[in-house]
Amino acid sequence: MAVMWPLSPEALKRGLLPGRPGGRHVMLREGLFALVALVLVIAAGLLGAWLGTLAAPTVVRWQIERIDSRNDAPPITSLPESPFGR
């Protein structure tokens, strides 16, 4: 923290340091920083939702293909001859 010298002896006895100049500018800068941070968070959420809707069909197709590849149907047993066959 930068200290502006010389301070008066009374200010040193009371432990008071000089105030920050440009308080309104600092508040404006902090407010704009908070606003930009909020906008970036909202934009990241919207981008994530958009990418999710684009990727969902591919992900579902991969899941179905993976489940189908592991769960093959059992082999079909041979059936007895039909009594109605020629």
N, C-alpha and C. Protein backbone atom coordinates (compact mmCIF):
# COMPACT_ATOMS: atom_id res chain seq x y z
N MET A 1 0.85 -1.17 0.00
CA MET A 1 0.00 0.00 0.00
C MET A 1 0.90 1.23 0.00
N ALA A 2 0.63 2.15 -0.89
CA ALA A 2 1.43 3.36 -0.97
C ALA A 2 0.95 4.36 0.08
N VAL A 3 1.90 4.96 0.77
CA VAL A 3 1.57 5.97 1.78
C VAL A 3 2.09 7.30 1.29
N MET A 4 1.24 8.30 1.38
CA MET A 4 1.63 9.63 0.95
C MET A 4 2.21 10.39 2.14
N TRP A 5 3.40 10.85 2.00
CA TRP A 5 4.06 11.61 3.06
C TRP A 5 4.19 13.05 2.62
N PRO A 6 4.33 14.00 3.44
CA PRO A 6 4.35 13.92 4.91
C PRO A 6 2.93 13.96 5.48
N LEU A 7 2.71 13.15 6.48
CA LEU A 7 1.45 13.18 7.22
C LEU A 7 1.61 14.13 8.40
N SER A 8 0.49 14.64 8.79
CA SER A 8 0.55 15.52 9.96
C SER A 8 0.76 14.66 11.21
N PRO A 9 1.36 15.22 12.25
CA PRO A 9 1.58 14.45 13.48
C PRO A 9 0.27 13.98 14.11
N GLU A 10 -0.81 14.74 13.95
CA GLU A 10 -2.10 14.31 14.51
C GLU A 10 -2.62 13.06 13.81
N ALA A 11 -2.44 13.00 12.49
CA ALA A 11 -2.89 11.83 11.75
C ALA A 11 -2.09 10.60 12.15
N LEU A 12 -0.79 10.79 12.41
CA LEU A 12 0.03 9.65 12.83
C LEU A 12 -0.37 9.17 14.23
N LYS A 13 -0.73 10.09 15.10
CA LYS A 13 -1.12 9.70 16.46
C LYS A 13 -2.43 8.93 16.45
N ARG A 14 -3.37 9.32 15.58
CA ARG A 14 -4.67 8.66 15.51
C ARG A 14 -4.62 7.39 14.66
N GLY A 15 -3.53 7.17 13.92
CA GLY A 15 -3.40 5.99 13.07
C GLY A 15 -4.21 6.09 11.80
N LEU A 16 -4.51 7.29 11.36
CA LEU A 16 -5.30 7.47 10.14
C LEU A 16 -4.38 7.58 8.94
N LEU A 17 -4.72 6.87 7.91
CA LEU A 17 -4.00 6.97 6.66
C LEU A 17 -4.87 7.74 5.67
N PRO A 18 -4.26 8.36 4.70
CA PRO A 18 -5.07 9.11 3.74
C PRO A 18 -5.98 8.18 2.94
N GLY A 19 -7.16 8.69 2.58
CA GLY A 19 -8.13 7.91 1.82
C GLY A 19 -7.69 7.69 0.39
N ARG A 20 -8.33 6.75 -0.27
CA ARG A 20 -7.99 6.48 -1.66
C ARG A 20 -8.61 7.54 -2.55
N PRO A 21 -7.84 8.11 -3.45
CA PRO A 21 -8.42 9.08 -4.37
C PRO A 21 -9.23 8.36 -5.45
N GLY A 22 -10.21 9.05 -5.97
CA GLY A 22 -11.00 8.50 -7.08
C GLY A 22 -11.91 7.37 -6.66
N GLY A 23 -12.59 7.51 -5.55
CA GLY A 23 -13.44 6.44 -5.06
C GLY A 23 -14.55 6.06 -6.02
N ARG A 24 -15.12 7.04 -6.71
CA ARG A 24 -16.20 6.75 -7.65
C ARG A 24 -15.68 5.96 -8.85
N HIS A 25 -14.49 6.28 -9.29
CA HIS A 25 -13.91 5.56 -10.42
C HIS A 25 -13.61 4.11 -10.04
N VAL A 26 -13.14 3.92 -8.84
CA VAL A 26 -12.84 2.56 -8.38
C VAL A 26 -14.12 1.76 -8.26
N MET A 27 -15.17 2.37 -7.72
CA MET A 27 -16.45 1.67 -7.60
C MET A 27 -17.02 1.32 -8.97
N LEU A 28 -16.88 2.25 -9.93
CA LEU A 28 -17.35 1.99 -11.28
C LEU A 28 -16.57 0.84 -11.90
N ARG A 29 -15.26 0.84 -11.74
CA ARG A 29 -14.42 -0.22 -12.28
C ARG A 29 -14.78 -1.57 -11.66
N GLU A 30 -14.99 -1.61 -10.35
CA GLU A 30 -15.35 -2.86 -9.68
C GLU A 30 -16.74 -3.33 -10.13
N GLY A 31 -17.66 -2.41 -10.29
CA GLY A 31 -18.99 -2.77 -10.77
C GLY A 31 -18.96 -3.34 -12.17
N LEU A 32 -18.17 -2.71 -13.05
CA LEU A 32 -18.05 -3.21 -14.42
C LEU A 32 -17.35 -4.57 -14.44
N PHE A 33 -16.37 -4.76 -13.58
CA PHE A 33 -15.69 -6.05 -13.49
C PHE A 33 -16.68 -7.14 -13.07
N ALA A 34 -17.52 -6.85 -12.08
CA ALA A 34 -18.52 -7.82 -11.64
C ALA A 34 -19.52 -8.10 -12.75
N LEU A 35 -19.93 -7.08 -13.48
CA LEU A 35 -20.86 -7.27 -14.59
C LEU A 35 -20.26 -8.13 -15.69
N VAL A 36 -19.01 -7.88 -16.04
CA VAL A 36 -18.33 -8.68 -17.06
C VAL A 36 -18.20 -10.12 -16.59
N ALA A 37 -17.87 -10.34 -15.33
CA ALA A 37 -17.75 -11.70 -14.80
C ALA A 37 -19.09 -12.42 -14.88
N LEU A 38 -20.18 -11.73 -14.54
CA LEU A 38 -21.50 -12.33 -14.61
C LEU A 38 -21.87 -12.68 -16.05
N VAL A 39 -21.57 -11.79 -16.98
CA VAL A 39 -21.87 -12.04 -18.39
C VAL A 39 -21.07 -13.24 -18.89
N LEU A 40 -19.81 -13.36 -18.48
CA LEU A 40 -19.00 -14.50 -18.90
C LEU A 40 -19.54 -15.82 -18.34
N VAL A 41 -20.01 -15.81 -17.12
CA VAL A 41 -20.59 -17.02 -16.53
C VAL A 41 -21.85 -17.43 -17.28
N ILE A 42 -22.70 -16.47 -17.58
CA ILE A 42 -23.93 -16.76 -18.33
C ILE A 42 -23.59 -17.26 -19.73
N ALA A 43 -22.63 -16.64 -20.39
CA ALA A 43 -22.23 -17.06 -21.73
C ALA A 43 -21.66 -18.48 -21.71
N ALA A 44 -20.88 -18.80 -20.70
CA ALA A 44 -20.32 -20.16 -20.59
C ALA A 44 -21.44 -21.18 -20.39
N GLY A 45 -22.45 -20.83 -19.61
CA GLY A 45 -23.58 -21.73 -19.42
C GLY A 45 -24.37 -21.95 -20.69
N LEU A 46 -24.61 -20.88 -21.43
CA LEU A 46 -25.33 -21.01 -22.70
C LEU A 46 -24.53 -21.81 -23.72
N LEU A 47 -23.23 -21.58 -23.77
CA LEU A 47 -22.38 -22.34 -24.69
C LEU A 47 -22.37 -23.81 -24.31
N GLY A 48 -22.31 -24.11 -23.03
CA GLY A 48 -22.34 -25.50 -22.58
C GLY A 48 -23.65 -26.18 -22.93
N ALA A 49 -24.76 -25.47 -22.77
CA ALA A 49 -26.07 -26.04 -23.11
C ALA A 49 -26.16 -26.29 -24.61
N TRP A 50 -25.65 -25.37 -25.41
CA TRP A 50 -25.69 -25.52 -26.86
C TRP A 50 -24.83 -26.70 -27.30
N LEU A 51 -23.63 -26.82 -26.72
CA LEU A 51 -22.77 -27.95 -27.07
C LEU A 51 -23.38 -29.27 -26.61
N GLY A 52 -24.07 -29.24 -25.48
CA GLY A 52 -24.74 -30.45 -25.00
C GLY A 52 -25.82 -30.92 -25.94
N THR A 53 -26.59 -30.00 -26.49
CA THR A 53 -27.65 -30.40 -27.43
C THR A 53 -27.05 -30.90 -28.74
N LEU A 54 -25.89 -30.39 -29.12
CA LEU A 54 -25.24 -30.89 -30.33
C LEU A 54 -24.64 -32.27 -30.11
N ALA A 55 -24.10 -32.52 -28.93
CA ALA A 55 -23.40 -33.77 -28.67
C ALA A 55 -24.33 -34.89 -28.22
N ALA A 56 -25.53 -34.58 -27.77
CA ALA A 56 -26.43 -35.60 -27.21
C ALA A 56 -26.72 -36.75 -28.17
N PRO A 57 -27.07 -36.51 -29.43
CA PRO A 57 -27.35 -37.66 -30.31
C PRO A 57 -26.15 -38.58 -30.49
N THR A 58 -24.97 -38.01 -30.59
CA THR A 58 -23.77 -38.83 -30.76
C THR A 58 -23.50 -39.65 -29.51
N VAL A 59 -23.64 -39.05 -28.35
CA VAL A 59 -23.39 -39.76 -27.10
C VAL A 59 -24.39 -40.89 -26.93
N VAL A 60 -25.65 -40.64 -27.23
CA VAL A 60 -26.67 -41.69 -27.10
C VAL A 60 -26.39 -42.82 -28.07
N ARG A 61 -26.00 -42.49 -29.31
CA ARG A 61 -25.69 -43.53 -30.29
C ARG A 61 -24.51 -44.39 -29.81
N TRP A 62 -23.47 -43.75 -29.24
CA TRP A 62 -22.32 -44.51 -28.71
C TRP A 62 -22.76 -45.42 -27.58
N GLN A 63 -23.61 -44.93 -26.70
CA GLN A 63 -24.07 -45.76 -25.58
C GLN A 63 -24.86 -46.96 -26.08
N ILE A 64 -25.75 -46.75 -27.05
CA ILE A 64 -26.55 -47.85 -27.58
C ILE A 64 -25.65 -48.87 -28.26
N GLU A 65 -24.69 -48.42 -29.06
CA GLU A 65 -23.79 -49.34 -29.75
C GLU A 65 -22.96 -50.13 -28.76
N ARG A 66 -22.52 -49.49 -27.69
CA ARG A 66 -21.71 -50.19 -26.69
C ARG A 66 -22.54 -51.24 -25.95
N ILE A 67 -23.76 -50.90 -25.58
CA ILE A 67 -24.62 -51.87 -24.89
C ILE A 67 -24.97 -53.02 -25.83
N ASP A 68 -25.28 -52.72 -27.09
CA ASP A 68 -25.63 -53.77 -28.04
C ASP A 68 -24.45 -54.69 -28.33
N SER A 69 -23.25 -54.16 -28.36
CA SER A 69 -22.09 -55.01 -28.65
C SER A 69 -21.80 -55.97 -27.51
N ARG A 70 -22.17 -55.64 -26.29
CA ARG A 70 -21.92 -56.52 -25.15
C ARG A 70 -23.06 -57.50 -24.90
N ASN A 71 -24.24 -57.18 -25.36
CA ASN A 71 -25.40 -58.00 -25.07
C ASN A 71 -25.93 -58.65 -26.34
N ASP A 72 -25.19 -59.59 -26.85
CA ASP A 72 -25.67 -60.31 -28.03
C ASP A 72 -26.77 -61.27 -27.63
N ALA A 73 -27.65 -61.53 -28.55
CA ALA A 73 -28.75 -62.46 -28.31
C ALA A 73 -28.19 -63.88 -28.21
N PRO A 74 -28.80 -64.73 -27.40
CA PRO A 74 -28.32 -66.13 -27.32
C PRO A 74 -28.56 -66.84 -28.64
N PRO A 75 -27.77 -67.85 -28.91
CA PRO A 75 -27.97 -68.57 -30.17
C PRO A 75 -29.35 -69.25 -30.21
N ILE A 76 -29.89 -69.30 -31.37
CA ILE A 76 -31.22 -69.90 -31.56
C ILE A 76 -31.06 -71.43 -31.57
N THR A 77 -31.84 -72.10 -30.75
CA THR A 77 -31.81 -73.56 -30.73
C THR A 77 -32.59 -74.12 -31.91
N SER A 78 -32.22 -75.28 -32.30
CA SER A 78 -32.95 -75.87 -33.43
C SER A 78 -34.30 -76.35 -32.95
N LEU A 79 -35.29 -76.12 -33.76
CA LEU A 79 -36.67 -76.49 -33.42
C LEU A 79 -36.97 -77.89 -33.91
N PRO A 80 -37.86 -78.59 -33.22
CA PRO A 80 -38.23 -79.92 -33.72
C PRO A 80 -38.99 -79.81 -35.05
N GLU A 81 -38.97 -80.88 -35.79
CA GLU A 81 -39.66 -80.86 -37.08
C GLU A 81 -41.15 -80.71 -36.86
N SER A 82 -41.76 -79.92 -37.70
CA SER A 82 -43.18 -79.68 -37.59
C SER A 82 -43.97 -80.90 -38.07
N PRO A 83 -45.01 -81.25 -37.32
CA PRO A 83 -45.81 -82.38 -37.79
C PRO A 83 -46.64 -82.01 -39.03
N PHE A 84 -46.74 -80.74 -39.31
CA PHE A 84 -47.54 -80.32 -40.46
C PHE A 84 -46.70 -80.14 -41.72
N GLY A 85 -45.40 -80.34 -41.59
CA GLY A 85 -44.52 -80.16 -42.74
C GLY A 85 -44.62 -81.31 -43.69
N ARG A 86 -44.27 -81.14 -44.93
CA ARG A 86 -44.37 -82.20 -45.94
C ARG A 86 -43.11 -82.95 -46.04
